[in-house]
Amino acid sequence: MGPLRLMMQDRLAVIGMCVLSVIIAMALFAPILSPHDPRHINEIEDGSVLARNAAGWELRESLGPLALNDATHQDDQSIIVGRSGTVWTRAGTGDWTRVDVATEADLNAVDLNADG
């Protein structure tokens, strides 16, 4: 008896071979099966801000073309940091104001303490 004949007698082996064959076929025909071009990536960055109000989360006006990474607030002071040294601050419920900083590095986190 050949190995293929032995494998065909085992029900679990046949099911496994069928599943593996389907996965291989999907990989081979992926360019035909996919609904979009896999090389097309959406790289649009936007500095959108979500704000919480009594009704829930609300999308506010964009602060610019660079992505924002982290935000924090304490008392009535708020600060947001992002890519390429982007820093925005706000006091109370006023408008966001951009702060010029001496770095072009991506800022990934921010924290405020009691001292400011």
PDB file of N, CA and C in Angstrom:
ATOM      1  N   MET A   1       0.831  -1.183   0.000  1.00  0.00           N
ATOM      2  CA  MET A   1       0.000   0.000   0.000  1.00  0.00           C
ATOM      3  C   MET A   1       0.876   1.246   0.000  1.00  0.00           C
ATOM      4  N   GLY A   2       0.499   2.176  -0.839  1.00  0.00           N
ATOM      5  CA  GLY A   2       1.237   3.426  -0.905  1.00  0.00           C
ATOM      6  C   GLY A   2       0.799   4.384   0.197  1.00  0.00           C
ATOM      7  N   PRO A   3       1.605   5.393   0.442  1.00  0.00           N
ATOM      8  CA  PRO A   3       1.281   6.345   1.509  1.00  0.00           C
ATOM      9  C   PRO A   3      -0.002   7.126   1.224  1.00  0.00           C
ATOM     10  N   LEU A   4      -0.293   7.411  -0.038  1.00  0.00           N
ATOM     11  CA  LEU A   4      -1.518   8.139  -0.369  1.00  0.00           C
ATOM     12  C   LEU A   4      -2.745   7.294  -0.071  1.00  0.00           C
ATOM     13  N   ARG A   5      -2.662   6.007  -0.365  1.00  0.00           N
ATOM     14  CA  ARG A   5      -3.787   5.109  -0.108  1.00  0.00           C
ATOM     15  C   ARG A   5      -4.031   4.979   1.400  1.00  0.00           C
ATOM     16  N   LEU A   6      -2.950   4.906   2.182  1.00  0.00           N
ATOM     17  CA  LEU A   6      -3.092   4.843   3.638  1.00  0.00           C
ATOM     18  C   LEU A   6      -3.732   6.123   4.177  1.00  0.00           C
ATOM     19  N   MET A   7      -3.314   7.261   3.619  1.00  0.00           N
ATOM     20  CA  MET A   7      -3.866   8.524   4.079  1.00  0.00           C
ATOM     21  C   MET A   7      -5.344   8.645   3.720  1.00  0.00           C
ATOM     22  N   MET A   8      -5.747   8.113   2.579  1.00  0.00           N
ATOM     23  CA  MET A   8      -7.145   8.185   2.152  1.00  0.00           C
ATOM     24  C   MET A   8      -8.060   7.337   3.029  1.00  0.00           C
ATOM     25  N   GLN A   9      -7.509   6.395   3.741  1.00  0.00           N
ATOM     26  CA  GLN A   9      -8.329   5.567   4.624  1.00  0.00           C
ATOM     27  C   GLN A   9      -8.595   6.259   5.958  1.00  0.00           C
ATOM     28  N   ASP A  10      -7.778   7.228   6.294  1.00  0.00           N
ATOM     29  CA  ASP A  10      -7.953   7.954   7.556  1.00  0.00           C
ATOM     30  C   ASP A  10      -8.809   9.196   7.298  1.00  0.00           C
ATOM     31  N   ARG A  11      -9.983   9.234   7.899  1.00  0.00           N
ATOM     32  CA  ARG A  11     -10.939  10.311   7.662  1.00  0.00           C
ATOM     33  C   ARG A  11     -10.373  11.677   8.099  1.00  0.00           C
ATOM     34  N   LEU A  12      -9.720  11.731   9.251  1.00  0.00           N
ATOM     35  CA  LEU A  12      -9.153  12.978   9.753  1.00  0.00           C
ATOM     36  C   LEU A  12      -8.037  13.489   8.835  1.00  0.00           C
ATOM     37  N   ALA A  13      -7.239  12.593   8.303  1.00  0.00           N
ATOM     38  CA  ALA A  13      -6.170  12.989   7.384  1.00  0.00           C
ATOM     39  C   ALA A  13      -6.746  13.564   6.098  1.00  0.00           C
ATOM     40  N   VAL A  14      -7.842  13.000   5.613  1.00  0.00           N
ATOM     41  CA  VAL A  14      -8.487  13.503   4.390  1.00  0.00           C
ATOM     42  C   VAL A  14      -9.043  14.906   4.626  1.00  0.00           C
ATOM     43  N   ILE A  15      -9.692  15.106   5.773  1.00  0.00           N
ATOM     44  CA  ILE A  15     -10.234  16.433   6.089  1.00  0.00           C
ATOM     45  C   ILE A  15      -9.099  17.449   6.211  1.00  0.00           C
ATOM     46  N   GLY A  16      -8.021  17.085   6.884  1.00  0.00           N
ATOM     47  CA  GLY A  16      -6.871  17.974   7.017  1.00  0.00           C
ATOM     48  C   GLY A  16      -6.248  18.307   5.679  1.00  0.00           C
ATOM     49  N   MET A  17      -6.164  17.317   4.790  1.00  0.00           N
ATOM     50  CA  MET A  17      -5.604  17.547   3.467  1.00  0.00           C
ATOM     51  C   MET A  17      -6.507  18.485   2.659  1.00  0.00           C
ATOM     52  N   CYS A  18      -7.815  18.344   2.797  1.00  0.00           N
ATOM     53  CA  CYS A  18      -8.752  19.230   2.095  1.00  0.00           C
ATOM     54  C   CYS A  18      -8.627  20.669   2.601  1.00  0.00           C
ATOM     55  N   VAL A  19      -8.570  20.838   3.914  1.00  0.00           N
ATOM     56  CA  VAL A  19      -8.433  22.182   4.479  1.00  0.00           C
ATOM     57  C   VAL A  19      -7.113  22.806   4.045  1.00  0.00           C
ATOM     58  N   LEU A  20      -6.038  22.048   4.102  1.00  0.00           N
ATOM     59  CA  LEU A  20      -4.737  22.552   3.675  1.00  0.00           C
ATOM     60  C   LEU A  20      -4.746  22.910   2.189  1.00  0.00           C
ATOM     61  N   SER A  21      -5.413  22.109   1.372  1.00  0.00           N
ATOM     62  CA  SER A  21      -5.507  22.396  -0.062  1.00  0.00           C
ATOM     63  C   SER A  21      -6.272  23.688  -0.317  1.00  0.00           C
ATOM     64  N   VAL A  22      -7.343  23.918   0.436  1.00  0.00           N
ATOM     65  CA  VAL A  22      -8.117  25.154   0.275  1.00  0.00           C
ATOM     66  C   VAL A  22      -7.273  26.365   0.676  1.00  0.00           C
ATOM     67  N   ILE A  23      -6.521  26.259   1.760  1.00  0.00           N
ATOM     68  CA  ILE A  23      -5.673  27.373   2.199  1.00  0.00           C
ATOM     69  C   ILE A  23      -4.597  27.673   1.161  1.00  0.00           C
ATOM     70  N   ILE A  24      -3.980  26.650   0.617  1.00  0.00           N
ATOM     71  CA  ILE A  24      -2.956  26.844  -0.416  1.00  0.00           C
ATOM     72  C   ILE A  24      -3.567  27.456  -1.670  1.00  0.00           C
ATOM     73  N   ALA A  25      -4.758  26.995  -2.056  1.00  0.00           N
ATOM     74  CA  ALA A  25      -5.431  27.556  -3.233  1.00  0.00           C
ATOM     75  C   ALA A  25      -5.773  29.029  -3.012  1.00  0.00           C
ATOM     76  N   MET A  26      -6.231  29.378  -1.806  1.00  0.00           N
ATOM     77  CA  MET A  26      -6.542  30.782  -1.512  1.00  0.00           C
ATOM     78  C   MET A  26      -5.288  31.642  -1.580  1.00  0.00           C
ATOM     79  N   ALA A  27      -4.159  31.118  -1.111  1.00  0.00           N
ATOM     80  CA  ALA A  27      -2.909  31.872  -1.171  1.00  0.00           C
ATOM     81  C   ALA A  27      -2.453  32.060  -2.617  1.00  0.00           C
ATOM     82  N   LEU A  28      -2.603  31.028  -3.427  1.00  0.00           N
ATOM     83  CA  LEU A  28      -2.180  31.123  -4.826  1.00  0.00           C
ATOM     84  C   LEU A  28      -3.058  32.076  -5.631  1.00  0.00           C
ATOM     85  N   PHE A  29      -4.357  32.090  -5.347  1.00  0.00           N
ATOM     86  CA  PHE A  29      -5.291  32.917  -6.105  1.00  0.00           C
ATOM     87  C   PHE A  29      -5.665  34.204  -5.373  1.00  0.00           C
ATOM     88  N   ALA A  30      -4.892  34.598  -4.363  1.00  0.00           N
ATOM     89  CA  ALA A  30      -5.190  35.802  -3.583  1.00  0.00           C
ATOM     90  C   ALA A  30      -5.302  37.066  -4.437  1.00  0.00           C
ATOM     91  N   PRO A  31      -4.429  37.279  -5.429  1.00  0.00           N
ATOM     92  CA  PRO A  31      -4.586  38.486  -6.245  1.00  0.00           C
ATOM     93  C   PRO A  31      -5.923  38.536  -6.985  1.00  0.00           C
ATOM     94  N   ILE A  32      -6.459  37.402  -7.337  1.00  0.00           N
ATOM     95  CA  ILE A  32      -7.752  37.361  -8.029  1.00  0.00           C
ATOM     96  C   ILE A  32      -8.900  37.509  -7.030  1.00  0.00           C
ATOM     97  N   LEU A  33      -8.742  36.931  -5.833  1.00  0.00           N
ATOM     98  CA  LEU A  33      -9.805  36.935  -4.833  1.00  0.00           C
ATOM     99  C   LEU A  33      -9.931  38.255  -4.077  1.00  0.00           C
ATOM    100  N   SER A  34      -8.847  39.014  -3.955  1.00  0.00           N
ATOM    101  CA  SER A  34      -8.896  40.221  -3.123  1.00  0.00           C
ATOM    102  C   SER A  34      -9.689  41.326  -3.816  1.00  0.00           C
ATOM    103  N   PRO A  35     -10.488  42.070  -3.041  1.00  0.00           N
ATOM    104  CA  PRO A  35     -11.311  43.125  -3.626  1.00  0.00           C
ATOM    105  C   PRO A  35     -10.560  44.436  -3.847  1.00  0.00           C
ATOM    106  N   HIS A  36      -9.314  44.547  -3.388  1.00  0.00           N
ATOM    107  CA  HIS A  36      -8.555  45.776  -3.550  1.00  0.00           C
ATOM    108  C   HIS A  36      -7.079  45.471  -3.782  1.00  0.00           C
ATOM    109  N   ASP A  37      -6.359  46.483  -4.211  1.00  0.00           N
ATOM    110  CA  ASP A  37      -4.930  46.345  -4.465  1.00  0.00           C
ATOM    111  C   ASP A  37      -4.179  46.273  -3.135  1.00  0.00           C
ATOM    112  N   PRO A  38      -3.451  45.189  -2.858  1.00  0.00           N
ATOM    113  CA  PRO A  38      -2.762  45.075  -1.569  1.00  0.00           C
ATOM    114  C   PRO A  38      -1.607  46.061  -1.413  1.00  0.00           C
ATOM    115  N   ARG A  39      -1.147  46.658  -2.500  1.00  0.00           N
ATOM    116  CA  ARG A  39      -0.059  47.628  -2.419  1.00  0.00           C
ATOM    117  C   ARG A  39      -0.564  49.041  -2.144  1.00  0.00           C
ATOM    118  N   HIS A  40      -1.886  49.230  -2.151  1.00  0.00           N
ATOM    119  CA  HIS A  40      -2.468  50.544  -1.895  1.00  0.00           C
ATOM    120  C   HIS A  40      -2.786  50.670  -0.405  1.00  0.00           C
ATOM    121  N   ILE A  41      -2.076  51.557   0.272  1.00  0.00           N
ATOM    122  CA  ILE A  41      -2.248  51.744   1.709  1.00  0.00           C
ATOM    123  C   ILE A  41      -2.716  53.172   1.954  1.00  0.00           C
ATOM    124  N   ASN A  42      -3.691  53.322   2.819  1.00  0.00           N
ATOM    125  CA  ASN A  42      -4.170  54.648   3.179  1.00  0.00           C
ATOM    126  C   ASN A  42      -3.217  55.248   4.207  1.00  0.00           C
ATOM    127  N   GLU A  43      -2.418  56.213   3.780  1.00  0.00           N
ATOM    128  CA  GLU A  43      -1.439  56.817   4.673  1.00  0.00           C
ATOM    129  C   GLU A  43      -1.804  58.250   5.039  1.00  0.00           C
ATOM    130  N   ILE A  44      -3.075  58.575   4.993  1.00  0.00           N
ATOM    131  CA  ILE A  44      -3.507  59.925   5.336  1.00  0.00           C
ATOM    132  C   ILE A  44      -3.461  60.089   6.851  1.00  0.00           C
ATOM    133  N   GLU A  45      -2.731  61.087   7.298  1.00  0.00           N
ATOM    134  CA  GLU A  45      -2.674  61.399   8.720  1.00  0.00           C
ATOM    135  C   GLU A  45      -3.596  62.573   8.990  1.00  0.00           C
ATOM    136  N   ASP A  46      -4.155  62.590  10.178  1.00  0.00           N
ATOM    137  CA  ASP A  46      -5.042  63.682  10.534  1.00  0.00           C
ATOM    138  C   ASP A  46      -4.981  63.882  12.039  1.00  0.00           C
ATOM    139  N   GLY A  47      -4.924  65.112  12.467  1.00  0.00           N
ATOM    140  CA  GLY A  47      -4.870  65.417  13.890  1.00  0.00           C
ATOM    141  C   GLY A  47      -6.253  65.593  14.474  1.00  0.00           C
ATOM    142  N   SER A  48      -7.114  64.593  14.318  1.00  0.00           N
ATOM    143  CA  SER A  48      -8.478  64.682  14.831  1.00  0.00           C
ATOM    144  C   SER A  48      -8.498  64.521  16.344  1.00  0.00           C
ATOM    145  N   VAL A  49      -9.408  65.228  16.979  1.00  0.00           N
ATOM    146  CA  VAL A  49      -9.534  65.191  18.432  1.00  0.00           C
ATOM    147  C   VAL A  49     -10.943  64.731  18.789  1.00  0.00           C
ATOM    148  N   LEU A  50     -11.021  63.719  19.662  1.00  0.00           N
ATOM    149  CA  LEU A  50     -12.302  63.283  20.209  1.00  0.00           C
ATOM    150  C   LEU A  50     -12.486  63.948  21.565  1.00  0.00           C
ATOM    151  N   ALA A  51     -13.629  64.571  21.764  1.00  0.00           N
ATOM    152  CA  ALA A  51     -13.917  65.221  23.041  1.00  0.00           C
ATOM    153  C   ALA A  51     -15.157  64.587  23.656  1.00  0.00           C
ATOM    154  N   ARG A  52     -15.132  64.446  24.957  1.00  0.00           N
ATOM    155  CA  ARG A  52     -16.269  63.841  25.656  1.00  0.00           C
ATOM    156  C   ARG A  52     -17.165  64.949  26.195  1.00  0.00           C
ATOM    157  N   ASN A  53     -18.452  64.817  25.913  1.00  0.00           N
ATOM    158  CA  ASN A  53     -19.427  65.743  26.478  1.00  0.00           C
ATOM    159  C   ASN A  53     -20.540  64.926  27.132  1.00  0.00           C
ATOM    160  N   ALA A  54     -21.612  65.566  27.550  1.00  0.00           N
ATOM    161  CA  ALA A  54     -22.689  64.870  28.266  1.00  0.00           C
ATOM    162  C   ALA A  54     -23.342  63.791  27.410  1.00  0.00           C
ATOM    163  N   ALA A  55     -23.398  63.998  26.100  1.00  0.00           N
ATOM    164  CA  ALA A  55     -24.040  63.034  25.199  1.00  0.00           C
ATOM    165  C   ALA A  55     -23.112  61.892  24.800  1.00  0.00           C
ATOM    166  N   GLY A  56     -21.812  62.021  25.051  1.00  0.00           N
ATOM    167  CA  GLY A  56     -20.851  60.986  24.667  1.00  0.00           C
ATOM    168  C   GLY A  56     -19.655  61.611  23.974  1.00  0.00           C
ATOM    169  N   TRP A  57     -19.001  60.827  23.112  1.00  0.00           N
ATOM    170  CA  TRP A  57     -17.811  61.301  22.406  1.00  0.00           C
ATOM    171  C   TRP A  57     -18.215  62.079  21.168  1.00  0.00           C
ATOM    172  N   GLU A  58     -17.504  63.182  20.912  1.00  0.00           N
ATOM    173  CA  GLU A  58     -17.787  64.039  19.769  1.00  0.00           C
ATOM    174  C   GLU A  58     -16.479  64.316  19.027  1.00  0.00           C
ATOM    175  N   LEU A  59     -16.494  64.182  17.706  1.00  0.00           N
ATOM    176  CA  LEU A  59     -15.312  64.461  16.892  1.00  0.00           C
ATOM    177  C   LEU A  59     -15.216  65.957  16.664  1.00  0.00           C
ATOM    178  N   ARG A  60     -14.107  66.537  17.088  1.00  0.00           N
ATOM    179  CA  ARG A  60     -13.892  67.973  16.929  1.00  0.00           C
ATOM    180  C   ARG A  60     -13.102  68.248  15.660  1.00  0.00           C
ATOM    181  N   GLU A  61     -12.957  69.520  15.348  1.00  0.00           N
ATOM    182  CA  GLU A  61     -12.227  69.939  14.155  1.00  0.00           C
ATOM    183  C   GLU A  61     -10.764  69.488  14.238  1.00  0.00           C
ATOM    184  N   SER A  62     -10.221  69.092  13.098  1.00  0.00           N
ATOM    185  CA  SER A  62      -8.839  68.624  13.027  1.00  0.00           C
ATOM    186  C   SER A  62      -7.871  69.737  13.418  1.00  0.00           C
ATOM    187  N   LEU A  63      -6.812  69.357  14.124  1.00  0.00           N
ATOM    188  CA  LEU A  63      -5.791  70.322  14.525  1.00  0.00           C
ATOM    189  C   LEU A  63      -4.650  70.423  13.523  1.00  0.00           C
ATOM    190  N   GLY A  64      -4.691  69.664  12.464  1.00  0.00           N
ATOM    191  CA  GLY A  64      -3.633  69.750  11.469  1.00  0.00           C
ATOM    192  C   GLY A  64      -3.397  68.424  10.782  1.00  0.00           C
ATOM    193  N   PRO A  65      -2.396  68.387   9.907  1.00  0.00           N
ATOM    194  CA  PRO A  65      -2.160  67.195   9.098  1.00  0.00           C
ATOM    195  C   PRO A  65      -1.360  66.097   9.790  1.00  0.00           C
ATOM    196  N   LEU A  66      -0.836  66.335  10.988  1.00  0.00           N
ATOM    197  CA  LEU A  66      -0.012  65.332  11.661  1.00  0.00           C
ATOM    198  C   LEU A  66      -0.821  64.558  12.687  1.00  0.00           C
ATOM    199  N   ALA A  67      -0.532  63.266  12.776  1.00  0.00           N
ATOM    200  CA  ALA A  67      -1.246  62.400  13.715  1.00  0.00           C
ATOM    201  C   ALA A  67      -0.910  62.771  15.154  1.00  0.00           C
ATOM    202  N   LEU A  68      -1.922  62.694  16.017  1.00  0.00           N
ATOM    203  CA  LEU A  68      -1.746  62.962  17.443  1.00  0.00           C
ATOM    204  C   LEU A  68      -1.634  61.636  18.171  1.00  0.00           C
ATOM    205  N   ASN A  69      -0.685  61.527  19.112  1.00  0.00           N
ATOM    206  CA  ASN A  69      -0.406  60.246  19.753  1.00  0.00           C
ATOM    207  C   ASN A  69      -0.951  60.109  21.161  1.00  0.00           C
ATOM    208  N   ASP A  70      -0.960  61.184  21.943  1.00  0.00           N
ATOM    209  CA  ASP A  70      -1.386  61.054  23.338  1.00  0.00           C
ATOM    210  C   ASP A  70      -1.937  62.385  23.827  1.00  0.00           C
ATOM    211  N   ALA A  71      -2.834  62.316  24.795  1.00  0.00           N
ATOM    212  CA  ALA A  71      -3.427  63.513  25.391  1.00  0.00           C
ATOM    213  C   ALA A  71      -3.624  63.279  26.875  1.00  0.00           C
ATOM    214  N   THR A  72      -3.579  64.362  27.622  1.00  0.00           N
ATOM    215  CA  THR A  72      -3.865  64.280  29.054  1.00  0.00           C
ATOM    216  C   THR A  72      -4.417  65.618  29.512  1.00  0.00           C
ATOM    217  N   HIS A  73      -5.083  65.594  30.651  1.00  0.00           N
ATOM    218  CA  HIS A  73      -5.576  66.844  31.228  1.00  0.00           C
ATOM    219  C   HIS A  73      -5.598  66.728  32.749  1.00  0.00           C
ATOM    220  N   GLN A  74      -5.443  67.871  33.378  1.00  0.00           N
ATOM    221  CA  GLN A  74      -5.528  67.945  34.829  1.00  0.00           C
ATOM    222  C   GLN A  74      -6.122  69.300  35.165  1.00  0.00           C
ATOM    223  N   ASP A  75      -7.134  69.290  36.004  1.00  0.00           N
ATOM    224  CA  ASP A  75      -7.879  70.499  36.353  1.00  0.00           C
ATOM    225  C   ASP A  75      -8.404  71.132  35.065  1.00  0.00           C
ATOM    226  N   ASP A  76      -7.951  72.333  34.729  1.00  0.00           N
ATOM    227  CA  ASP A  76      -8.446  72.962  33.501  1.00  0.00           C
ATOM    228  C   ASP A  76      -7.374  73.039  32.417  1.00  0.00           C
ATOM    229  N   GLN A  77      -6.260  72.335  32.577  1.00  0.00           N
ATOM    230  CA  GLN A  77      -5.181  72.325  31.595  1.00  0.00           C
ATOM    231  C   GLN A  77      -5.200  71.022  30.799  1.00  0.00           C
ATOM    232  N   SER A  78      -5.062  71.130  29.480  1.00  0.00           N
ATOM    233  CA  SER A  78      -5.007  69.956  28.608  1.00  0.00           C
ATOM    234  C   SER A  78      -3.811  70.092  27.683  1.00  0.00           C
ATOM    235  N   ILE A  79      -3.229  68.962  27.301  1.00  0.00           N
ATOM    236  CA  ILE A  79      -2.087  68.962  26.386  1.00  0.00           C
ATOM    237  C   ILE A  79      -2.180  67.731  25.489  1.00  0.00           C
ATOM    238  N   ILE A  80      -1.835  67.916  24.218  1.00  0.00           N
ATOM    239  CA  ILE A  80      -1.819  66.832  23.234  1.00  0.00           C
ATOM    240  C   ILE A  80      -0.458  66.858  22.548  1.00  0.00           C
ATOM    241  N   VAL A  81       0.135  65.684  22.331  1.00  0.00           N
ATOM    242  CA  VAL A  81       1.404  65.596  21.604  1.00  0.00           C
ATOM    243  C   VAL A  81       1.249  64.634  20.431  1.00  0.00           C
ATOM    244  N   GLY A  82       2.134  64.795  19.441  1.00  0.00           N
ATOM    245  CA  GLY A  82       2.043  63.935  18.265  1.00  0.00           C
ATOM    246  C   GLY A  82       3.339  63.879  17.484  1.00  0.00           C
ATOM    247  N   ARG A  83       3.196  63.608  16.196  1.00  0.00           N
ATOM    248  CA  ARG A  83       4.352  63.423  15.320  1.00  0.00           C
ATOM    249  C   ARG A  83       5.081  64.727  15.064  1.00  0.00           C
ATOM    250  N   SER A  84       6.365  64.601  14.770  1.00  0.00           N
ATOM    251  CA  SER A  84       7.238  65.723  14.392  1.00  0.00           C
ATOM    252  C   SER A  84       7.224  66.852  15.412  1.00  0.00           C
ATOM    253  N   GLY A  85       7.186  66.517  16.692  1.00  0.00           N
ATOM    254  CA  GLY A  85       7.239  67.530  17.736  1.00  0.00           C
ATOM    255  C   GLY A  85       5.982  68.367  17.865  1.00  0.00           C
ATOM    256  N   THR A  86       4.849  67.833  17.470  1.00  0.00           N
ATOM    257  CA  THR A  86       3.588  68.561  17.552  1.00  0.00           C
ATOM    258  C   THR A  86       3.099  68.603  18.997  1.00  0.00           C
ATOM    259  N   VAL A  87       2.844  69.816  19.510  1.00  0.00           N
ATOM    260  CA  VAL A  87       2.310  69.989  20.865  1.00  0.00           C
ATOM    261  C   VAL A  87       1.186  71.018  20.807  1.00  0.00           C
ATOM    262  N   TRP A  88       0.040  70.678  21.395  1.00  0.00           N
ATOM    263  CA  TRP A  88      -1.114  71.574  21.477  1.00  0.00           C
ATOM    264  C   TRP A  88      -1.529  71.673  22.934  1.00  0.00           C
ATOM    265  N   THR A  89      -1.903  72.873  23.382  1.00  0.00           N
ATOM    266  CA  THR A  89      -2.385  73.058  24.749  1.00  0.00           C
ATOM    267  C   THR A  89      -3.725  73.780  24.729  1.00  0.00           C
ATOM    268  N   ARG A  90      -4.439  73.634  25.851  1.00  0.00           N
ATOM    269  CA  ARG A  90      -5.736  74.303  25.989  1.00  0.00           C
ATOM    270  C   ARG A  90      -5.991  74.553  27.468  1.00  0.00           C
ATOM    271  N   ALA A  91      -6.493  75.718  27.774  1.00  0.00           N
ATOM    272  CA  ALA A  91      -6.882  76.048  29.145  1.00  0.00           C
ATOM    273  C   ALA A  91      -8.403  76.106  29.206  1.00  0.00           C
ATOM    274  N   GLY A  92      -8.975  75.356  30.134  1.00  0.00           N
ATOM    275  CA  GLY A  92     -10.431  75.331  30.274  1.00  0.00           C
ATOM    276  C   GLY A  92     -11.095  74.730  29.055  1.00  0.00           C
ATOM    277  N   THR A  93     -12.120  75.399  28.554  1.00  0.00           N
ATOM    278  CA  THR A  93     -12.835  74.915  27.370  1.00  0.00           C
ATOM    279  C   THR A  93     -12.525  75.779  26.159  1.00  0.00           C
ATOM    280  N   GLY A  94     -11.417  76.524  26.216  1.00  0.00           N
ATOM    281  CA  GLY A  94     -11.031  77.398  25.116  1.00  0.00           C
ATOM    282  C   GLY A  94     -10.535  76.624  23.905  1.00  0.00           C
ATOM    283  N   ASP A  95      -9.956  77.365  22.974  1.00  0.00           N
ATOM    284  CA  ASP A  95      -9.442  76.757  21.747  1.00  0.00           C
ATOM    285  C   ASP A  95      -8.060  76.165  21.989  1.00  0.00           C
ATOM    286  N   TRP A  96      -7.708  75.189  21.155  1.00  0.00           N
ATOM    287  CA  TRP A  96      -6.380  74.576  21.208  1.00  0.00           C
ATOM    288  C   TRP A  96      -5.375  75.547  20.602  1.00  0.00           C
ATOM    289  N   THR A  97      -4.208  75.656  21.227  1.00  0.00           N
ATOM    290  CA  THR A  97      -3.142  76.537  20.769  1.00  0.00           C
ATOM    291  C   THR A  97      -1.890  75.707  20.539  1.00  0.00           C
ATOM    292  N   ARG A  98      -1.286  75.867  19.364  1.00  0.00           N
ATOM    293  CA  ARG A  98      -0.068  75.116  19.064  1.00  0.00           C
ATOM    294  C   ARG A  98       1.123  75.737  19.781  1.00  0.00           C
ATOM    295  N   VAL A  99       1.966  74.876  20.343  1.00  0.00           N
ATOM    296  CA  VAL A  99       3.166  75.309  21.056  1.00  0.00           C
ATOM    297  C   VAL A  99       4.376  74.923  20.215  1.00  0.00           C
ATOM    298  N   ASP A 100       5.257  75.893  19.967  1.00  0.00           N
ATOM    299  CA  ASP A 100       6.484  75.598  19.227  1.00  0.00           C
ATOM    300  C   ASP A 100       7.502  74.998  20.185  1.00  0.00           C
ATOM    301  N   VAL A 101       7.992  73.811  19.848  1.00  0.00           N
ATOM    302  CA  VAL A 101       9.006  73.145  20.657  1.00  0.00           C
ATOM    303  C   VAL A 101      10.250  72.950  19.802  1.00  0.00           C
ATOM    304  N   ALA A 102      11.381  72.770  20.455  1.00  0.00           N
ATOM    305  CA  ALA A 102      12.659  72.685  19.751  1.00  0.00           C
ATOM    306  C   ALA A 102      13.014  71.249  19.386  1.00  0.00           C
ATOM    307  N   THR A 103      12.037  70.471  18.962  1.00  0.00           N
ATOM    308  CA  THR A 103      12.326  69.099  18.554  1.00  0.00           C
ATOM    309  C   THR A 103      11.478  68.727  17.347  1.00  0.00           C
ATOM    310  N   GLU A 104      12.022  67.863  16.531  1.00  0.00           N
ATOM    311  CA  GLU A 104      11.286  67.311  15.403  1.00  0.00           C
ATOM    312  C   GLU A 104      10.975  65.839  15.639  1.00  0.00           C
ATOM    313  N   ALA A 105      11.317  65.349  16.828  1.00  0.00           N
ATOM    314  CA  ALA A 105      11.096  63.940  17.160  1.00  0.00           C
ATOM    315  C   ALA A 105       9.609  63.680  17.360  1.00  0.00           C
ATOM    316  N   ASP A 106       9.198  62.448  17.106  1.00  0.00           N
ATOM    317  CA  ASP A 106       7.818  62.054  17.367  1.00  0.00           C
ATOM    318  C   ASP A 106       7.612  61.957  18.872  1.00  0.00           C
ATOM    319  N   LEU A 107       6.601  62.630  19.368  1.00  0.00           N
ATOM    320  CA  LEU A 107       6.276  62.598  20.791  1.00  0.00           C
ATOM    321  C   LEU A 107       5.165  61.576  20.990  1.00  0.00           C
ATOM    322  N   ASN A 108       5.434  60.544  21.784  1.00  0.00           N
ATOM    323  CA  ASN A 108       4.495  59.432  21.910  1.00  0.00           C
ATOM    324  C   ASN A 108       3.660  59.457  23.174  1.00  0.00           C
ATOM    325  N   ALA A 109       4.087  60.190  24.201  1.00  0.00           N
ATOM    326  CA  ALA A 109       3.339  60.191  25.458  1.00  0.00           C
ATOM    327  C   ALA A 109       3.501  61.531  26.156  1.00  0.00           C
ATOM    328  N   VAL A 110       2.532  61.852  26.993  1.00  0.00           N
ATOM    329  CA  VAL A 110       2.556  63.098  27.743  1.00  0.00           C
ATOM    330  C   VAL A 110       1.907  62.850  29.101  1.00  0.00           C
ATOM    331  N   ASP A 111       2.336  63.640  30.097  1.00  0.00           N
ATOM    332  CA  ASP A 111       1.738  63.520  31.422  1.00  0.00           C
ATOM    333  C   ASP A 111       1.827  64.867  32.121  1.00  0.00           C
ATOM    334  N   LEU A 112       0.807  65.207  32.865  1.00  0.00           N
ATOM    335  CA  LEU A 112       0.796  66.411  33.689  1.00  0.00           C
ATOM    336  C   LEU A 112       0.796  65.994  35.146  1.00  0.00           C
ATOM    337  N   ASN A 113       1.488  66.780  35.974  1.00  0.00           N
ATOM    338  CA  ASN A 113       1.439  66.512  37.408  1.00  0.00           C
ATOM    339  C   ASN A 113       0.941  67.760  38.125  1.00  0.00           C
ATOM    340  N   ALA A 114       0.892  67.721  39.420  1.00  0.00           N
ATOM    341  CA  ALA A 114       0.342  68.833  40.198  1.00  0.00           C
ATOM    342  C   ALA A 114       1.151  70.116  40.029  1.00  0.00           C
ATOM    343  N   ASP A 115       2.438  70.001  39.718  1.00  0.00           N
ATOM    344  CA  ASP A 115       3.287  71.182  39.530  1.00  0.00           C
ATOM    345  C   ASP A 115       3.110  71.822  38.158  1.00  0.00           C
ATOM    346  N   GLY A 116       2.413  71.157  37.261  1.00  0.00           N
ATOM    347  CA  GLY A 116       2.201  71.688  35.925  1.00  0.00           C
ATOM    348  C   GLY A 116       3.095  71.047  34.990  1.00  0.00           C
TER     349      GLY A 116
END
